């Protein structure tokens, strides 16, 4: 007698659907759930920082566990890196136009999209953000503060987020207003983005890493200089 005859009623599928017993499907679902939680946390933190990006970084960090802080840092870093990468070519064109006073009459700076170059730019921006986080982690103890890799990355990613958004908005404005007026708006947007980068990084050193105000003023450009040095070294190695 065959097995089917011995057991005419086969066991029901595992609860939760046929993928419940598939480890790959379980890992994929777990990763999707973590990504969803990270995106929701990032949106909540972004709303809190929208009104006061400088003063809000400390309370935002204090309200997150280490796992959730890492998710928010990764989301912020990715958004900033993509914004800077998408803005790249058009931003260069508009800034050159501001200097020449003729945004729409610049040969050699046409608007286009190269996916390979885009991915390379995103990777470079992520390295820059990670390097700044490494600078926070390295220099905070030397300046009398204390931090950990997750908190340091959150400070860096939060600081670069306004710059990434400003760069993307600047590229859109420069594309819509092909004139010197558009180039001036681009310059103003980038000015605000850079200022918020510096201010938020300084606030992160003070309110997250615990560095006092006087030393944080020195630590802010030191961290950015460290990130620039790392980017230069990476460029040399990959060059």
Protein backbone atom coordinates (compact mmCIF):
# COMPACT_ATOMS: atom_id res chain seq x y z
CA UNK A 1 0.00 0.00 0.00
CA UNK A 2 1.39 3.40 -0.96
CA UNK A 3 1.97 6.30 1.39
CA UNK A 4 -0.93 8.24 -0.11
CA UNK A 5 -3.26 5.32 0.59
CA UNK A 6 -2.01 5.10 4.18
CA UNK A 7 -2.57 8.84 4.69
CA UNK A 8 -5.42 9.97 2.43
CA UNK A 9 -5.55 13.41 4.12
CA UNK A 10 -2.20 15.17 3.65
CA UNK A 11 -1.16 17.63 6.38
CA UNK A 12 -2.36 21.20 5.89
CA UNK A 13 0.13 23.85 4.71
CA UNK A 14 1.97 25.73 7.44
CA UNK A 15 0.00 28.64 8.94
CA UNK A 16 0.64 31.99 7.35
CA UNK A 17 0.69 30.77 3.75
CA UNK A 18 2.95 28.51 1.68
CA UNK A 19 5.95 30.84 2.14
CA UNK A 20 5.88 30.38 5.91
CA UNK A 21 8.26 27.42 5.70
CA UNK A 22 10.57 29.10 3.18
CA UNK A 23 13.54 30.68 5.03
CA UNK A 24 14.32 32.99 2.11
CA UNK A 25 10.77 34.33 2.09
CA UNK A 26 10.91 34.79 5.85
CA UNK A 27 14.16 36.76 5.63
CA UNK A 28 12.77 38.88 2.80
CA UNK A 29 9.60 39.62 4.78
CA UNK A 30 11.64 40.49 7.88
CA UNK A 31 13.82 42.84 5.82
CA UNK A 32 10.74 44.47 4.32
CA UNK A 33 9.25 44.95 7.77
CA UNK A 34 12.46 46.53 9.07
CA UNK A 35 12.62 48.83 6.05
CA UNK A 36 9.00 49.89 6.62
CA UNK A 37 9.67 50.66 10.30
CA UNK A 38 12.84 52.58 9.40
CA UNK A 39 10.97 54.65 6.81
CA UNK A 40 8.19 55.43 9.31
CA UNK A 41 10.72 56.40 11.98
CA UNK A 42 12.62 58.56 9.49
CA UNK A 43 9.41 60.32 8.48
CA UNK A 44 8.55 60.98 12.12
CA UNK A 45 12.02 62.34 12.89
CA UNK A 46 11.96 64.44 9.71
CA UNK A 47 8.65 66.02 10.79
CA UNK A 48 10.17 66.81 14.18
CA UNK A 49 13.25 68.33 12.58
CA UNK A 50 11.31 70.29 9.97
CA UNK A 51 10.44 73.12 12.33
CA UNK A 52 13.78 73.14 14.16
CA UNK A 53 16.43 70.98 12.48
CA UNK A 54 19.20 72.29 14.73
CA UNK A 55 17.51 72.16 18.13
CA UNK A 56 15.53 69.03 17.39
CA UNK A 57 18.38 66.60 16.74
CA UNK A 58 19.00 65.95 20.43
CA UNK A 59 15.40 65.09 21.39
CA UNK A 60 14.97 63.10 18.18
CA UNK A 61 18.04 61.00 18.98
CA UNK A 62 16.95 60.50 22.59
CA UNK A 63 13.57 59.15 21.46
CA UNK A 64 15.07 56.32 19.39
CA UNK A 65 16.54 52.96 20.34
CA UNK A 66 19.87 52.03 18.75
CA UNK A 67 18.21 49.78 16.15
CA UNK A 68 15.69 52.42 15.18
CA UNK A 69 18.34 55.15 15.17
CA UNK A 70 20.38 53.06 12.72
CA UNK A 71 17.35 52.68 10.44
CA UNK A 72 16.69 56.42 10.48
CA UNK A 73 20.37 57.17 9.81
CA UNK A 74 20.41 54.83 6.80
CA UNK A 75 17.23 56.34 5.36
CA UNK A 76 18.52 59.90 5.83
CA UNK A 77 21.90 59.01 4.33
CA UNK A 78 20.29 57.37 1.30
CA UNK A 79 17.92 60.30 0.70
CA UNK A 80 20.77 62.80 0.99
CA UNK A 81 23.04 60.76 -1.28
CA UNK A 82 20.35 60.35 -3.95
CA UNK A 83 19.43 64.04 -3.79
CA UNK A 84 23.04 65.12 -4.24
CA UNK A 85 23.56 62.59 -7.03
CA UNK A 86 20.44 63.62 -8.95
CA UNK A 87 21.40 67.27 -8.60
CA UNK A 88 24.99 66.78 -9.75
CA UNK A 89 25.11 67.68 -13.44
CA UNK A 90 22.33 70.24 -13.45
CA UNK A 91 23.69 71.88 -10.31
CA UNK A 92 27.13 72.33 -11.83
CA UNK A 93 25.54 73.83 -14.89
CA UNK A 94 23.44 76.30 -12.91
CA UNK A 95 26.35 77.35 -10.67
CA UNK A 96 28.50 77.95 -13.74
CA UNK A 97 25.64 79.98 -15.16
CA UNK A 98 25.58 82.15 -12.06
CA UNK A 99 29.23 82.97 -12.61
CA UNK A 100 28.80 83.64 -16.33
CA UNK A 101 25.39 85.32 -16.13
CA UNK A 102 23.98 83.12 -18.90
CA UNK A 103 22.54 79.87 -17.59
CA UNK A 104 20.88 78.93 -20.86
CA UNK A 105 23.87 79.59 -23.12
CA UNK A 106 26.59 77.31 -21.84
CA UNK A 107 27.97 74.74 -24.28
CA UNK A 108 29.10 71.43 -22.83
CA UNK A 109 26.74 71.41 -19.86
CA UNK A 110 23.65 69.77 -21.28
CA UNK A 111 21.05 68.14 -19.08
CA UNK A 112 21.13 64.35 -19.20
CA UNK A 113 21.03 61.24 -17.07
CA UNK A 114 23.55 58.42 -17.01
CA UNK A 115 22.50 55.61 -14.68
CA UNK A 116 26.03 54.32 -14.21
CA UNK A 117 27.32 57.75 -13.25
CA UNK A 118 24.31 58.21 -10.99
CA UNK A 119 25.07 55.03 -9.05
CA UNK A 120 28.71 56.03 -8.79
CA UNK A 121 27.69 59.45 -7.44
CA UNK A 122 25.31 57.88 -4.90
CA UNK A 123 28.08 55.58 -3.68
CA UNK A 124 30.51 58.49 -3.41
CA UNK A 125 27.99 60.54 -1.44
CA UNK A 126 27.32 57.62 0.92
CA UNK A 127 31.06 57.28 1.50
CA UNK A 128 31.25 61.00 2.28
CA UNK A 129 28.39 60.78 4.79
CA UNK A 130 29.90 57.68 6.39
CA UNK A 131 33.27 59.43 6.57
CA UNK A 132 31.71 62.39 8.35
CA UNK A 133 30.10 59.95 10.78
CA UNK A 134 33.52 58.39 11.30
CA UNK A 135 34.86 61.86 12.01
CA UNK A 136 32.20 62.39 14.68
CA UNK A 137 33.05 59.00 16.20
CA UNK A 138 36.78 59.74 16.14
CA UNK A 139 36.88 63.34 17.31
CA UNK A 140 34.02 63.46 19.83
CA UNK A 141 36.01 61.63 22.54
CA UNK A 142 39.06 63.78 21.82
CA UNK A 143 36.88 66.87 22.37
CA UNK A 144 35.49 65.64 25.67
CA UNK A 145 32.33 64.00 24.36
CA UNK A 146 31.13 60.45 23.97
CA UNK A 147 29.30 58.66 21.18
CA UNK A 148 28.90 55.33 19.39
CA UNK A 149 28.92 54.36 15.70
CA UNK A 150 25.11 54.47 15.31
CA UNK A 151 24.74 57.89 16.96
CA UNK A 152 27.68 59.26 14.99
CA UNK A 153 26.16 58.10 11.71
CA UNK A 154 22.79 59.58 12.68
CA UNK A 155 24.43 62.95 13.36
CA UNK A 156 26.20 62.89 9.99
CA UNK A 157 23.20 61.72 7.98
CA UNK A 158 20.90 64.26 9.65
CA UNK A 159 23.38 67.03 8.90
CA UNK A 160 23.70 66.10 5.22
CA UNK A 161 19.96 65.65 4.70
CA UNK A 162 19.18 69.40 4.31
CA UNK A 163 22.05 69.74 1.84
CA UNK A 164 20.78 66.82 -0.24
CA UNK A 165 17.24 68.23 -0.32
CA UNK A 166 18.51 71.73 -1.09
CA UNK A 167 20.70 70.41 -3.90
CA UNK A 168 17.79 68.54 -5.48
CA UNK A 169 15.51 71.58 -5.22
CA UNK A 170 18.29 73.75 -6.66
CA UNK A 171 18.65 71.44 -9.64
CA UNK A 172 14.89 71.56 -10.28
CA UNK A 173 14.83 75.36 -9.99
CA UNK A 174 17.81 75.65 -12.30
CA UNK A 175 16.11 73.43 -14.85
CA UNK A 176 12.82 75.38 -14.68
CA UNK A 177 14.38 78.87 -14.72
CA UNK A 178 17.14 78.88 -17.32
CA UNK A 179 18.30 82.39 -16.58
CA UNK A 180 20.54 84.33 -14.27
CA UNK A 181 17.60 84.70 -11.90
CA UNK A 182 17.33 80.91 -11.68
CA UNK A 183 21.05 80.65 -11.03
CA UNK A 184 20.71 83.13 -8.16
CA UNK A 185 17.92 81.04 -6.63
CA UNK A 186 20.13 77.97 -6.99
CA UNK A 187 22.94 79.73 -5.16
CA UNK A 188 20.59 80.76 -2.35
CA UNK A 189 19.25 77.24 -1.93
CA UNK A 190 22.75 75.81 -1.76
CA UNK A 191 23.74 78.49 0.74
CA UNK A 192 20.89 77.46 3.03
CA UNK A 193 21.72 73.78 2.57
CA UNK A 194 25.37 74.31 3.47
CA UNK A 195 24.49 76.48 6.47
CA UNK A 196 22.08 73.86 7.81
CA UNK A 197 24.74 71.20 7.25
CA UNK A 198 27.18 73.09 9.47
CA UNK A 199 24.60 74.09 12.08
CA UNK A 200 23.08 70.62 12.37
CA UNK A 201 26.47 68.95 12.58
CA UNK A 202 27.48 71.37 15.33
CA UNK A 203 24.21 70.70 17.19
CA UNK A 204 24.77 66.97 16.84
CA UNK A 205 28.22 67.22 18.38
CA UNK A 206 26.76 69.20 21.29
CA UNK A 207 23.41 67.53 21.95
CA UNK A 208 24.13 63.95 20.85
CA UNK A 209 27.88 63.48 21.38
CA UNK A 210 28.02 65.69 24.47
CA UNK A 211 30.80 68.00 23.27
CA UNK A 212 30.72 71.44 24.89
CA UNK A 213 29.92 74.47 22.77
CA UNK A 214 33.44 75.85 22.47
CA UNK A 215 34.98 72.56 21.41
CA UNK A 216 32.08 71.76 19.10
CA UNK A 217 32.88 74.95 17.18
CA UNK A 218 36.32 73.48 16.50
CA UNK A 219 35.02 69.97 15.95
CA UNK A 220 32.52 70.91 13.23
CA UNK A 221 35.04 71.98 10.56
CA UNK A 222 37.42 69.25 11.74
CA UNK A 223 34.83 66.55 11.04
CA UNK A 224 34.12 68.00 7.58
CA UNK A 225 37.84 68.25 6.85
CA UNK A 226 38.23 64.61 7.87
CA UNK A 227 35.42 63.61 5.50
CA UNK A 228 37.06 65.55 2.67
CA UNK A 229 40.38 63.82 3.41
CA UNK A 230 38.73 60.40 3.29
CA UNK A 231 37.04 61.26 -0.01
CA UNK A 232 40.39 62.39 -1.42
CA UNK A 233 42.04 59.15 -0.33
CA UNK A 234 39.21 57.06 -1.79
CA UNK A 235 39.51 58.98 -5.05
CA UNK A 236 43.24 58.31 -5.15
CA UNK A 237 42.78 54.60 -4.46
CA UNK A 238 40.05 54.18 -7.05
CA UNK A 239 41.50 56.71 -9.43
